Amino acid sequence: MKIAGFDIGGANTDMAIIEFGSDGEMEKVRVDFRYLPMWLKKDELSETLLEMIGDDIQDLDGVGMSMTAELVDAYPSKAMGVIDIVDRVEGTFDVPVAYVSLSGMVDAEGAVSDPMNIAAANWVATSQIASAMSSDCIMVDVGSTTTDIIPIKDGFEAAKGRNDLERLGTGELVYTGTLRSNVATIVDRVPLGERWFRVSSELFAITADVHRVLGNIREEDYTCSTPDGAGRSLEDCMLRIARVLCADLDLLQPEEILEVSEYIYHQQILRIAEGIAEVSERENLEEVIATGLGMNVLAKRAAEVLELDCRTMDEFLTEAECVVAPAVGTALLMEDYLQD
């Protein structure tokens, strides 16, 4: 059986195509992703999905979908976003399609009748992979934009929040990520030499610039748009960070920009650690399973700050598969759905 799992995010659409053996074990996995800003290009969703699947379309037995793109400001409400995405997906495929919900996989009718059960439920798909690694742990998935922090107890997700609003209040969703977070949402001042400097609140630089300058990501990992529309070289990234202090590369030296970047990085780690600590103390859990693009540079570092045991999901998946873990989890859930 060959299943495609997609996670349609606001900025990135991730895919995992998994071939399952007769025993239900994964035999072959192909992953891919596209930068598709849904607030600008939602009309290109169907074309993008088919492009990513390519020739595998001939052999697919089913397609699973999870999503967070319903939140983008192209939609007046999250419910309308879910309904629009479901409509676009249903018009794309001729094989069975189902959607990850807070209560399991549902078909299109179920998704449209209760869209808030579908909205931002992709963490449900990822949590089942973490539960396969540890029956009692905290899954920390650091993506390009957000960080999911989900308690796993007795082999099942045990999140207190059931939607994004609730999860922002329970420590289970921290709105910071490896690439797209505005630096000005992480710090309001930075140290430079022996002084502190307040920062501008403009969208001058994002976390991709910080992690690129620090060597935490490669240029090819910087997959989102740059704030100024310029390139992704180290010099380009340094200039954007300098602008956060209303400066440029004539006013700040590279070593000064590195000092500022290290501070921003540490503050981002502390933001994530704060969410992990809240979940850890409430649920009495002391092991972290980390995944996502920021698995090592953010999730693992946050666990270390808290002195919690941490394993990374690349013990179970490849590093590339960890980056699109919600899509992998969605494909796994879809296979179970079809078997049932």
C-alpha atoms as a PDB file:
ATOM      1  CA  MET A   1       0.000   0.000   0.000  1.00  0.00           C
ATOM      2  CA  LYS A   2       1.297   3.466  -0.897  1.00  0.00           C
ATOM      3  CA  ILE A   3       0.017   6.478   1.046  1.00  0.00           C
ATOM      4  CA  ALA A   4       0.736  10.200   0.707  1.00  0.00           C
ATOM      5  CA  GLY A   5       0.573  12.315   3.826  1.00  0.00           C
ATOM      6  CA  PHE A   6       0.485  16.111   3.572  1.00  0.00           C
ATOM      7  CA  ASP A   7       0.747  18.831   6.185  1.00  0.00           C
ATOM      8  CA  ILE A   8      -0.561  22.072   4.681  1.00  0.00           C
ATOM      9  CA  GLY A   9       0.954  24.904   6.684  1.00  0.00           C
ATOM     10  CA  GLY A  10       0.491  28.599   6.278  1.00  0.00           C
ATOM     11  CA  ALA A  11       3.947  28.956   4.730  1.00  0.00           C
ATOM     12  CA  ASN A  12       5.141  25.426   3.935  1.00  0.00           C
ATOM     13  CA  THR A  13       3.398  22.359   2.573  1.00  0.00           C
ATOM     14  CA  ASP A  14       5.156  19.141   3.608  1.00  0.00           C
ATOM     15  CA  MET A  15       4.745  15.683   2.087  1.00  0.00           C
ATOM     16  CA  ALA A  16       5.646  12.112   2.961  1.00  0.00           C
ATOM     17  CA  ILE A  17       4.878   9.217   0.622  1.00  0.00           C
ATOM     18  CA  ILE A  18       5.178   5.897   2.422  1.00  0.00           C
ATOM     19  CA  GLU A  19       5.080   2.414   0.971  1.00  0.00           C
ATOM     20  CA  PHE A  20       3.768  -0.061   3.524  1.00  0.00           C
ATOM     21  CA  GLY A  21       4.406  -3.793   3.522  1.00  0.00           C
ATOM     22  CA  SER A  22       1.691  -6.397   4.080  1.00  0.00           C
ATOM     23  CA  ASP A  23       2.527  -6.294   7.790  1.00  0.00           C
ATOM     24  CA  GLY A  24       1.917  -2.550   7.943  1.00  0.00           C
ATOM     25  CA  GLU A  25       5.602  -1.700   8.396  1.00  0.00           C
ATOM     26  CA  MET A  26       7.140   1.243   6.516  1.00  0.00           C
ATOM     27  CA  GLU A  27       9.280  -0.097   3.664  1.00  0.00           C
ATOM     28  CA  LYS A  28      10.087   3.062   1.711  1.00  0.00           C
ATOM     29  CA  VAL A  29       9.621   6.762   2.446  1.00  0.00           C
ATOM     30  CA  ARG A  30       9.970   9.774   0.161  1.00  0.00           C
ATOM     31  CA  VAL A  31       9.656  13.252   1.618  1.00  0.00           C
ATOM     32  CA  ASP A  32       9.476  16.707   0.100  1.00  0.00           C
ATOM     33  CA  PHE A  33       8.274  20.202   0.945  1.00  0.00           C
ATOM     34  CA  ARG A  34       7.406  23.438  -0.822  1.00  0.00           C
ATOM     35  CA  TYR A  35       7.356  27.018   0.353  1.00  0.00           C
ATOM     36  CA  LEU A  36       3.761  27.944  -0.441  1.00  0.00           C
ATOM     37  CA  PRO A  37       2.599  31.082   1.393  1.00  0.00           C
ATOM     38  CA  MET A  38      -1.110  30.367   1.519  1.00  0.00           C
ATOM     39  CA  TRP A  39      -1.995  33.993   2.270  1.00  0.00           C
ATOM     40  CA  LEU A  40      -0.748  34.785  -1.231  1.00  0.00           C
ATOM     41  CA  LYS A  41      -0.911  31.540  -3.218  1.00  0.00           C
ATOM     42  CA  LYS A  42      -3.761  29.380  -1.943  1.00  0.00           C
ATOM     43  CA  ASP A  43      -5.007  29.094  -5.533  1.00  0.00           C
ATOM     44  CA  GLU A  44      -1.817  27.140  -6.305  1.00  0.00           C
ATOM     45  CA  LEU A  45      -2.429  24.469  -3.647  1.00  0.00           C
ATOM     46  CA  SER A  46      -3.851  21.773  -5.937  1.00  0.00           C
ATOM     47  CA  GLU A  47      -1.109  22.251  -8.532  1.00  0.00           C
ATOM     48  CA  THR A  48       1.553  22.136  -5.809  1.00  0.00           C
ATOM     49  CA  LEU A  49       0.231  18.911  -4.289  1.00  0.00           C
ATOM     50  CA  LEU A  50       0.242  17.166  -7.658  1.00  0.00           C
ATOM     51  CA  GLU A  51       3.699  18.502  -8.498  1.00  0.00           C
ATOM     52  CA  MET A  52       5.087  17.139  -5.225  1.00  0.00           C
ATOM     53  CA  ILE A  53       3.542  13.690  -5.740  1.00  0.00           C
ATOM     54  CA  GLY A  54       4.771  13.449  -9.326  1.00  0.00           C
ATOM     55  CA  ASP A  55       4.705   9.998 -10.908  1.00  0.00           C
ATOM     56  CA  ASP A  56       3.672   8.372  -7.618  1.00  0.00           C
ATOM     57  CA  ILE A  57       0.129   9.561  -8.344  1.00  0.00           C
ATOM     58  CA  GLN A  58      -0.405   6.409 -10.413  1.00  0.00           C
ATOM     59  CA  ASP A  59       0.217   4.100  -7.446  1.00  0.00           C
ATOM     60  CA  LEU A  60      -1.404   5.930  -4.545  1.00  0.00           C
ATOM     61  CA  ASP A  61      -3.985   4.090  -2.471  1.00  0.00           C
ATOM     62  CA  GLY A  62      -4.924   7.075  -0.350  1.00  0.00           C
ATOM     63  CA  VAL A  63      -4.052  10.608   0.753  1.00  0.00           C
ATOM     64  CA  GLY A  64      -4.029  11.897   4.322  1.00  0.00           C
ATOM     65  CA  MET A  65      -4.173  15.601   5.121  1.00  0.00           C
ATOM     66  CA  SER A  66      -3.377  17.722   8.140  1.00  0.00           C
ATOM     67  CA  MET A  67      -3.362  21.502   8.127  1.00  0.00           C
ATOM     68  CA  THR A  68      -2.595  24.740   9.918  1.00  0.00           C
ATOM     69  CA  ALA A  69      -3.071  27.024   6.901  1.00  0.00           C
ATOM     70  CA  GLU A  70      -6.639  27.850   7.924  1.00  0.00           C
ATOM     71  CA  LEU A  71      -5.176  30.583  10.175  1.00  0.00           C
ATOM     72  CA  VAL A  72      -3.706  32.696   7.352  1.00  0.00           C
ATOM     73  CA  ASP A  73      -5.285  36.103   6.857  1.00  0.00           C
ATOM     74  CA  ALA A  74      -6.566  35.168   3.399  1.00  0.00           C
ATOM     75  CA  TYR A  75      -9.485  33.609   5.295  1.00  0.00           C
ATOM     76  CA  PRO A  76     -11.983  35.597   7.389  1.00  0.00           C
ATOM     77  CA  SER A  77     -12.311  32.676   9.830  1.00  0.00           C
ATOM     78  CA  LYS A  78     -10.543  29.410  10.589  1.00  0.00           C
ATOM     79  CA  ALA A  79     -13.684  27.431   9.765  1.00  0.00           C
ATOM     80  CA  MET A  80     -13.870  28.998   6.315  1.00  0.00           C
ATOM     81  CA  GLY A  81     -10.178  28.250   5.833  1.00  0.00           C
ATOM     82  CA  VAL A  82     -10.651  24.562   6.606  1.00  0.00           C
ATOM     83  CA  ILE A  83     -13.646  24.319   4.299  1.00  0.00           C
ATOM     84  CA  ASP A  84     -11.784  26.017   1.437  1.00  0.00           C
ATOM     85  CA  ILE A  85      -8.723  23.778   1.825  1.00  0.00           C
ATOM     86  CA  VAL A  86     -10.875  20.640   1.968  1.00  0.00           C
ATOM     87  CA  ASP A  87     -12.680  21.739  -1.192  1.00  0.00           C
ATOM     88  CA  ARG A  88      -9.395  22.268  -3.018  1.00  0.00           C
ATOM     89  CA  VAL A  89      -7.999  18.920  -1.864  1.00  0.00           C
ATOM     90  CA  GLU A  90     -11.155  16.992  -2.779  1.00  0.00           C
ATOM     91  CA  GLY A  91     -10.964  18.402  -6.291  1.00  0.00           C
ATOM     92  CA  THR A  92      -7.377  17.209  -6.659  1.00  0.00           C
ATOM     93  CA  PHE A  93      -7.463  13.477  -5.943  1.00  0.00           C
ATOM     94  CA  ASP A  94      -9.489  10.496  -7.156  1.00  0.00           C
ATOM     95  CA  VAL A  95      -8.301   8.177  -4.363  1.00  0.00           C
ATOM     96  CA  PRO A  96      -9.678   8.084  -0.787  1.00  0.00           C
ATOM     97  CA  VAL A  97      -8.785  11.226   1.200  1.00  0.00           C
ATOM     98  CA  ALA A  98      -9.125  11.750   4.939  1.00  0.00           C
ATOM     99  CA  TYR A  99      -8.184  14.507   7.351  1.00  0.00           C
ATOM    100  CA  VAL A 100      -6.417  14.505  10.706  1.00  0.00           C
ATOM    101  CA  SER A 101      -8.760  15.696  13.434  1.00  0.00           C
ATOM    102  CA  LEU A 102      -8.604  15.931  17.200  1.00  0.00           C
ATOM    103  CA  SER A 103     -10.623  12.711  17.326  1.00  0.00           C
ATOM    104  CA  GLY A 104      -8.945  10.695  14.565  1.00  0.00           C
ATOM    105  CA  MET A 105      -9.159  10.643  10.770  1.00  0.00           C
ATOM    106  CA  VAL A 106     -12.369  11.882   9.172  1.00  0.00           C
ATOM    107  CA  ASP A 107     -13.574  12.140   5.586  1.00  0.00           C
ATOM    108  CA  ALA A 108     -14.441  15.376   3.787  1.00  0.00           C
ATOM    109  CA  GLU A 109     -18.024  15.390   5.039  1.00  0.00           C
ATOM    110  CA  GLY A 110     -16.821  15.035   8.610  1.00  0.00           C
ATOM    111  CA  ALA A 111     -14.216  17.756   8.111  1.00  0.00           C
ATOM    112  CA  VAL A 112     -16.675  20.268   6.657  1.00  0.00           C
ATOM    113  CA  SER A 113     -19.356  19.529   9.254  1.00  0.00           C
ATOM    114  CA  ASP A 114     -16.933  20.223  12.126  1.00  0.00           C
ATOM    115  CA  PRO A 115     -14.056  22.295  10.720  1.00  0.00           C
ATOM    116  CA  MET A 116     -12.698  23.342  14.114  1.00  0.00           C
ATOM    117  CA  ASN A 117     -11.983  19.686  14.808  1.00  0.00           C
ATOM    118  CA  ILE A 118      -9.579  19.773  11.840  1.00  0.00           C
ATOM    119  CA  ALA A 119      -7.978  23.178  12.372  1.00  0.00           C
ATOM    120  CA  ALA A 120      -4.321  22.972  13.444  1.00  0.00           C
ATOM    121  CA  ALA A 121      -4.572  19.300  14.426  1.00  0.00           C
ATOM    122  CA  ASN A 122      -1.282  18.322  12.788  1.00  0.00           C
ATOM    123  CA  TRP A 123       0.367  17.877  16.203  1.00  0.00           C
ATOM    124  CA  VAL A 124      -1.916  14.875  16.726  1.00  0.00           C
ATOM    125  CA  ALA A 125      -0.191  13.156  13.794  1.00  0.00           C
ATOM    126  CA  THR A 126       3.305  13.919  15.073  1.00  0.00           C
ATOM    127  CA  SER A 127       2.516  12.858  18.626  1.00  0.00           C
ATOM    128  CA  GLN A 128       1.859   9.266  17.574  1.00  0.00           C
ATOM    129  CA  ILE A 129       5.451   8.976  16.303  1.00  0.00           C
ATOM    130  CA  ALA A 130       6.771  10.293  19.621  1.00  0.00           C
ATOM    131  CA  SER A 131       4.579   7.801  21.475  1.00  0.00           C
ATOM    132  CA  ALA A 132       6.215   4.979  19.511  1.00  0.00           C
ATOM    133  CA  MET A 133       9.562   6.077  20.952  1.00  0.00           C
ATOM    134  CA  SER A 134       8.460   6.640  24.541  1.00  0.00           C
ATOM    135  CA  SER A 135       5.135   6.013  26.256  1.00  0.00           C
ATOM    136  CA  ASP A 136       5.698   8.877  28.722  1.00  0.00           C
ATOM    137  CA  CYS A 137       7.428  11.935  27.307  1.00  0.00           C
ATOM    138  CA  ILE A 138       7.063  15.455  25.992  1.00  0.00           C
ATOM    139  CA  MET A 139       7.135  15.780  22.215  1.00  0.00           C
ATOM    140  CA  VAL A 140       8.777  19.031  21.108  1.00  0.00           C
ATOM    141  CA  ASP A 141       8.406  19.762  17.396  1.00  0.00           C
ATOM    142  CA  VAL A 142      10.183  22.960  16.324  1.00  0.00           C
ATOM    143  CA  GLY A 143       9.157  23.874  12.813  1.00  0.00           C
ATOM    144  CA  SER A 144       9.814  26.932  10.685  1.00  0.00           C
ATOM    145  CA  THR A 145       7.183  29.018  12.457  1.00  0.00           C
ATOM    146  CA  THR A 146       5.938  27.386  15.667  1.00  0.00           C
ATOM    147  CA  THR A 147       6.880  24.932  18.389  1.00  0.00           C
ATOM    148  CA  ASP A 148       4.489  22.189  19.533  1.00  0.00           C
ATOM    149  CA  ILE A 149       5.035  20.867  23.068  1.00  0.00           C
ATOM    150  CA  ILE A 150       2.777  17.865  23.594  1.00  0.00           C
ATOM    151  CA  PRO A 151       2.649  15.551  26.622  1.00  0.00           C
ATOM    152  CA  ILE A 152       2.516  11.811  25.895  1.00  0.00           C
ATOM    153  CA  LYS A 153       1.218   9.656  28.746  1.00  0.00           C
ATOM    154  CA  ASP A 154       0.715   5.893  28.673  1.00  0.00           C
ATOM    155  CA  GLY A 155       1.398   5.959  24.931  1.00  0.00           C
ATOM    156  CA  PHE A 156      -1.265   8.559  24.040  1.00  0.00           C
ATOM    157  CA  GLU A 157      -1.203  12.309  23.581  1.00  0.00           C
ATOM    158  CA  ALA A 158      -2.512  14.040  26.677  1.00  0.00           C
ATOM    159  CA  ALA A 159      -2.625  17.681  25.611  1.00  0.00           C
ATOM    160  CA  LYS A 160      -4.725  19.956  27.800  1.00  0.00           C
ATOM    161  CA  GLY A 161      -5.335  22.448  24.984  1.00  0.00           C
ATOM    162  CA  ARG A 162      -7.443  21.221  22.082  1.00  0.00           C
ATOM    163  CA  ASN A 163      -7.029  24.194  19.760  1.00  0.00           C
ATOM    164  CA  ASP A 164      -4.354  26.822  19.163  1.00  0.00           C
ATOM    165  CA  LEU A 165      -5.969  29.387  21.443  1.00  0.00           C
ATOM    166  CA  GLU A 166      -6.128  26.938  24.339  1.00  0.00           C
ATOM    167  CA  ARG A 167      -2.638  25.572  23.638  1.00  0.00           C
ATOM    168  CA  LEU A 168      -1.152  29.081  23.776  1.00  0.00           C
ATOM    169  CA  GLY A 169      -2.440  29.159  27.354  1.00  0.00           C
ATOM    170  CA  THR A 170      -1.169  25.720  28.406  1.00  0.00           C
ATOM    171  CA  GLY A 171       2.469  25.875  27.290  1.00  0.00           C
ATOM    172  CA  GLU A 172       1.734  23.428  24.479  1.00  0.00           C
ATOM    173  CA  LEU A 173       2.158  25.959  21.670  1.00  0.00           C
ATOM    174  CA  VAL A 174       4.989  28.471  21.572  1.00  0.00           C
ATOM    175  CA  TYR A 175       4.795  30.750  18.573  1.00  0.00           C
ATOM    176  CA  THR A 176       8.463  30.748  17.671  1.00  0.00           C
ATOM    177  CA  GLY A 177      10.260  28.764  15.001  1.00  0.00           C
ATOM    178  CA  THR A 178      13.543  28.153  13.244  1.00  0.00           C
ATOM    179  CA  LEU A 179      12.970  30.359  10.209  1.00  0.00           C
ATOM    180  CA  ARG A 180      10.032  32.737  10.127  1.00  0.00           C
ATOM    181  CA  SER A 181       9.823  34.363  13.564  1.00  0.00           C
ATOM    182  CA  ASN A 182      10.273  38.132  13.626  1.00  0.00           C
ATOM    183  CA  VAL A 183      13.354  38.852  15.757  1.00  0.00           C
ATOM    184  CA  ALA A 184      11.499  41.754  17.377  1.00  0.00           C
ATOM    185  CA  THR A 185       9.006  39.288  18.909  1.00  0.00           C
ATOM    186  CA  ILE A 186      11.832  37.535  20.770  1.00  0.00           C
ATOM    187  CA  VAL A 187      13.766  40.481  22.218  1.00  0.00           C
ATOM    188  CA  ASP A 188      13.014  44.114  22.980  1.00  0.00           C
ATOM    189  CA  ARG A 189      16.650  44.955  23.704  1.00  0.00           C
ATOM    190  CA  VAL A 190      20.036  43.359  23.081  1.00  0.00           C
ATOM    191  CA  PRO A 191      23.502  43.641  24.655  1.00  0.00           C
ATOM    192  CA  LEU A 192      26.300  45.120  22.622  1.00  0.00           C
ATOM    193  CA  GLY A 193      29.659  45.596  24.272  1.00  0.00           C
ATOM    194  CA  GLU A 194      28.918  46.856  27.766  1.00  0.00           C
ATOM    195  CA  ARG A 195      25.621  48.553  26.898  1.00  0.00           C
ATOM    196  CA  TRP A 196      22.045  47.550  26.149  1.00  0.00           C
ATOM    197  CA  PHE A 197      20.248  48.756  23.060  1.00  0.00           C
ATOM    198  CA  ARG A 198      16.523  48.731  22.404  1.00  0.00           C
ATOM    199  CA  VAL A 199      15.478  47.222  19.074  1.00  0.00           C
ATOM    200  CA  SER A 200      13.125  48.402  16.348  1.00  0.00           C
ATOM    201  CA  SER A 201       9.782  46.632  16.031  1.00  0.00           C
ATOM    202  CA  GLU A 202       9.931  46.470  12.242  1.00  0.00           C
ATOM    203  CA  LEU A 203      10.095  43.176  10.347  1.00  0.00           C
ATOM    204  CA  PHE A 204      13.758  43.708   9.513  1.00  0.00           C
ATOM    205  CA  ALA A 205      15.120  40.248  10.370  1.00  0.00           C
ATOM    206  CA  ILE A 206      13.795  36.777  11.118  1.00  0.00           C
ATOM    207  CA  THR A 207      15.171  33.814  13.005  1.00  0.00           C
ATOM    208  CA  ALA A 208      16.460  32.295   9.769  1.00  0.00           C
ATOM    209  CA  ASP A 209      18.904  35.207   9.615  1.00  0.00           C
ATOM    210  CA  VAL A 210      20.067  34.566  13.173  1.00  0.00           C
ATOM    211  CA  HIS A 211      20.506  30.819  12.695  1.00  0.00           C
ATOM    212  CA  ARG A 212      22.222  31.330   9.339  1.00  0.00           C
ATOM    213  CA  VAL A 213      24.737  33.756  10.844  1.00  0.00           C
ATOM    214  CA  LEU A 214      25.419  31.373  13.725  1.00  0.00           C
ATOM    215  CA  GLY A 215      25.839  28.358  11.434  1.00  0.00           C
ATOM    216  CA  ASN A 216      22.792  26.577  12.862  1.00  0.00           C
ATOM    217  CA  ILE A 217      21.242  26.222   9.405  1.00  0.00           C
ATOM    218  CA  ARG A 218      22.640  26.070   5.891  1.00  0.00           C
ATOM    219  CA  GLU A 219      21.737  28.488   3.129  1.00  0.00           C
ATOM    220  CA  GLU A 220      19.574  25.784   1.502  1.00  0.00           C
ATOM    221  CA  ASP A 221      17.636  25.438   4.781  1.00  0.00           C
ATOM    222  CA  TYR A 222      16.573  29.088   4.521  1.00  0.00           C
ATOM    223  CA  THR A 223      13.507  28.206   2.462  1.00  0.00           C
ATOM    224  CA  CYS A 224      11.161  31.072   3.309  1.00  0.00           C
ATOM    225  CA  SER A 225      11.085  34.592   1.889  1.00  0.00           C
ATOM    226  CA  THR A 226      13.585  37.091   3.247  1.00  0.00           C
ATOM    227  CA  PRO A 227      12.124  40.199   4.940  1.00  0.00           C
ATOM    228  CA  ASP A 228      13.760  42.577   2.460  1.00  0.00           C
ATOM    229  CA  GLY A 229      13.520  40.390  -0.637  1.00  0.00           C
ATOM    230  CA  ALA A 230      17.315  40.164  -0.805  1.00  0.00           C
ATOM    231  CA  GLY A 231      19.508  37.066  -0.711  1.00  0.00           C
ATOM    232  CA  ARG A 232      20.419  34.521   1.942  1.00  0.00           C
ATOM    233  CA  SER A 233      24.188  34.961   2.068  1.00  0.00           C
ATOM    234  CA  LEU A 234      25.889  35.589   5.398  1.00  0.00           C
ATOM    235  CA  GLU A 235      26.339  39.255   4.471  1.00  0.00           C
ATOM    236  CA  ASP A 236      22.647  39.596   3.561  1.00  0.00           C
ATOM    237  CA  CYS A 237      21.627  38.018   6.868  1.00  0.00           C
ATOM    238  CA  MET A 238      24.022  40.202   8.865  1.00  0.00           C
ATOM    239  CA  LEU A 239      22.669  43.344   7.228  1.00  0.00           C
ATOM    240  CA  ARG A 240      19.110  42.398   8.153  1.00  0.00           C
ATOM    241  CA  ILE A 241      20.129  41.789  11.780  1.00  0.00           C
ATOM    242  CA  ALA A 242      21.955  45.129  11.844  1.00  0.00           C
ATOM    243  CA  ARG A 243      18.750  46.858  10.748  1.00  0.00           C
ATOM    244  CA  VAL A 244      17.024  45.538  13.887  1.00  0.00           C
ATOM    245  CA  LEU A 245      19.272  48.028  15.724  1.00  0.00           C
ATOM    246  CA  CYS A 246      18.567  50.688  13.086  1.00  0.00           C
ATOM    247  CA  ALA A 247      22.120  50.170  11.821  1.00  0.00           C
ATOM    248  CA  ASP A 248      23.922  48.724   8.820  1.00  0.00           C
ATOM    249  CA  LEU A 249      27.229  47.037   8.029  1.00  0.00           C
ATOM    250  CA  ASP A 250      29.046  50.382   8.170  1.00  0.00           C
ATOM    251  CA  LEU A 251      27.929  50.914  11.769  1.00  0.00           C
ATOM    252  CA  LEU A 252      28.246  47.364  13.116  1.00  0.00           C
ATOM    253  CA  GLN A 253      31.135  44.951  12.743  1.00  0.00           C
ATOM    254  CA  PRO A 254      30.591  41.205  12.061  1.00  0.00           C
ATOM    255  CA  GLU A 255      31.684  40.270  15.598  1.00  0.00           C
ATOM    256  CA  GLU A 256      29.108  42.682  17.027  1.00  0.00           C
ATOM    257  CA  ILE A 257      26.357  41.135  14.902  1.00  0.00           C
ATOM    258  CA  LEU A 258      27.453  37.704  16.130  1.00  0.00           C
ATOM    259  CA  GLU A 259      27.183  38.919  19.727  1.00  0.00           C
ATOM    260  CA  VAL A 260      23.648  40.176  19.099  1.00  0.00           C
ATOM    261  CA  SER A 261      22.703  36.949  17.284  1.00  0.00           C
ATOM    262  CA  GLU A 262      23.950  34.762  20.143  1.00  0.00           C
ATOM    263  CA  TYR A 263      21.781  36.696  22.572  1.00  0.00           C
ATOM    264  CA  ILE A 264      18.676  36.405  20.356  1.00  0.00           C
ATOM    265  CA  TYR A 265      19.326  32.690  19.964  1.00  0.00           C
ATOM    266  CA  HIS A 266      19.613  32.180  23.720  1.00  0.00           C
ATOM    267  CA  GLN A 267      16.387  34.091  24.326  1.00  0.00           C
ATOM    268  CA  GLN A 268      14.569  31.929  21.775  1.00  0.00           C
ATOM    269  CA  ILE A 269      15.805  28.798  23.548  1.00  0.00           C
ATOM    270  CA  LEU A 270      14.469  30.196  26.832  1.00  0.00           C
ATOM    271  CA  ARG A 271      11.047  30.856  25.248  1.00  0.00           C
ATOM    272  CA  ILE A 272      10.794  27.214  24.258  1.00  0.00           C
ATOM    273  CA  ALA A 273      12.208  26.016  27.590  1.00  0.00           C
ATOM    274  CA  GLU A 274       9.512  27.990  29.397  1.00  0.00           C
ATOM    275  CA  GLY A 275       6.784  26.081  27.547  1.00  0.00           C
ATOM    276  CA  ILE A 276       8.486  22.727  28.131  1.00  0.00           C
ATOM    277  CA  ALA A 277       8.868  23.509  31.842  1.00  0.00           C
ATOM    278  CA  GLU A 278       5.159  24.317  32.185  1.00  0.00           C
ATOM    279  CA  VAL A 279       4.149  21.017  30.576  1.00  0.00           C
ATOM    280  CA  SER A 280       6.823  19.035  32.429  1.00  0.00           C
ATOM    281  CA  GLU A 281       5.811  20.316  35.853  1.00  0.00           C
ATOM    282  CA  ARG A 282       2.088  19.936  35.237  1.00  0.00           C
ATOM    283  CA  GLU A 283       2.307  16.426  33.781  1.00  0.00           C
ATOM    284  CA  ASN A 284       5.278  15.162  35.817  1.00  0.00           C
ATOM    285  CA  LEU A 285       7.200  14.190  32.673  1.00  0.00           C
ATOM    286  CA  GLU A 286      10.980  14.356  32.416  1.00  0.00           C
ATOM    287  CA  GLU A 287      11.888  13.022  28.968  1.00  0.00           C
ATOM    288  CA  VAL A 288      11.784  15.079  25.770  1.00  0.00           C
ATOM    289  CA  ILE A 289      11.435  13.638  22.258  1.00  0.00           C
ATOM    290  CA  ALA A 290      12.567  16.359  19.834  1.00  0.00           C
ATOM    291  CA  THR A 291      11.802  16.670  16.145  1.00  0.00           C
ATOM    292  CA  GLY A 292      11.420  19.238  13.384  1.00  0.00           C
ATOM    293  CA  LEU A 293      13.841  21.560  11.607  1.00  0.00           C
ATOM    294  CA  GLY A 294      14.896  22.978  14.987  1.00  0.00           C
ATOM    295  CA  MET A 295      15.225  19.562  16.621  1.00  0.00           C
ATOM    296  CA  ASN A 296      18.882  19.934  17.571  1.00  0.00           C
ATOM    297  CA  VAL A 297      19.459  23.696  17.584  1.00  0.00           C
ATOM    298  CA  LEU A 298      16.381  24.653  19.618  1.00  0.00           C
ATOM    299  CA  ALA A 299      14.398  21.746  21.095  1.00  0.00           C
ATOM    300  CA  LYS A 300      17.410  19.824  22.375  1.00  0.00           C
ATOM    301  CA  ARG A 301      19.060  22.968  23.707  1.00  0.00           C
ATOM    302  CA  ALA A 302      15.883  23.928  25.560  1.00  0.00           C
ATOM    303  CA  ALA A 303      15.735  20.479  27.165  1.00  0.00           C
ATOM    304  CA  GLU A 304      19.375  20.865  28.217  1.00  0.00           C
ATOM    305  CA  VAL A 305      18.608  24.198  29.896  1.00  0.00           C
ATOM    306  CA  LEU A 306      15.972  22.389  31.973  1.00  0.00           C
ATOM    307  CA  GLU A 307      18.281  19.404  32.582  1.00  0.00           C
ATOM    308  CA  LEU A 308      15.718  17.048  31.068  1.00  0.00           C
ATOM    309  CA  ASP A 309      16.622  13.860  29.227  1.00  0.00           C
ATOM    310  CA  CYS A 310      16.272  14.366  25.489  1.00  0.00           C
ATOM    311  CA  ARG A 311      16.175  12.016  22.531  1.00  0.00           C
ATOM    312  CA  THR A 312      15.714  13.073  18.945  1.00  0.00           C
ATOM    313  CA  MET A 313      13.264  11.537  16.524  1.00  0.00           C
ATOM    314  CA  ASP A 314      16.042  10.702  14.083  1.00  0.00           C
ATOM    315  CA  GLU A 315      16.429   7.520  16.121  1.00  0.00           C
ATOM    316  CA  PHE A 316      13.147   6.483  14.469  1.00  0.00           C
ATOM    317  CA  LEU A 317      13.108   8.544  11.265  1.00  0.00           C
ATOM    318  CA  THR A 318      15.780  10.028   9.026  1.00  0.00           C
ATOM    319  CA  GLU A 319      16.737  13.661   9.596  1.00  0.00           C
ATOM    320  CA  ALA A 320      14.841  14.683   6.444  1.00  0.00           C
ATOM    321  CA  GLU A 321      11.750  12.834   7.653  1.00  0.00           C
ATOM    322  CA  CYS A 322      11.962  14.579  11.035  1.00  0.00           C
ATOM    323  CA  VAL A 323      11.658  17.953   9.292  1.00  0.00           C
ATOM    324  CA  VAL A 324       8.267  16.875   7.872  1.00  0.00           C
ATOM    325  CA  ALA A 325       7.235  14.713  10.843  1.00  0.00           C
ATOM    326  CA  PRO A 326       3.561  15.832  10.786  1.00  0.00           C
ATOM    327  CA  ALA A 327       3.305  14.654   7.170  1.00  0.00           C
ATOM    328  CA  VAL A 328       4.871  11.308   8.100  1.00  0.00           C
ATOM    329  CA  GLY A 329       2.462  10.947  11.010  1.00  0.00           C
ATOM    330  CA  THR A 330      -0.454  11.868   8.753  1.00  0.00           C
ATOM    331  CA  ALA A 331       0.483   9.103   6.294  1.00  0.00           C
ATOM    332  CA  LEU A 332       0.696   6.608   9.169  1.00  0.00           C
ATOM    333  CA  LEU A 333      -2.752   7.631  10.414  1.00  0.00           C
ATOM    334  CA  MET A 334      -4.145   7.368   6.874  1.00  0.00           C
ATOM    335  CA  GLU A 335      -2.830   3.829   6.507  1.00  0.00           C
ATOM    336  CA  ASP A 336      -4.563   2.851   9.768  1.00  0.00           C
ATOM    337  CA  TYR A 337      -7.739   4.577   8.549  1.00  0.00           C
ATOM    338  CA  LEU A 338      -7.796   2.586   5.305  1.00  0.00           C
ATOM    339  CA  GLN A 339      -7.043  -0.677   7.099  1.00  0.00           C
ATOM    340  CA  ASP A 340      -9.948  -0.070   9.454  1.00  0.00           C
END
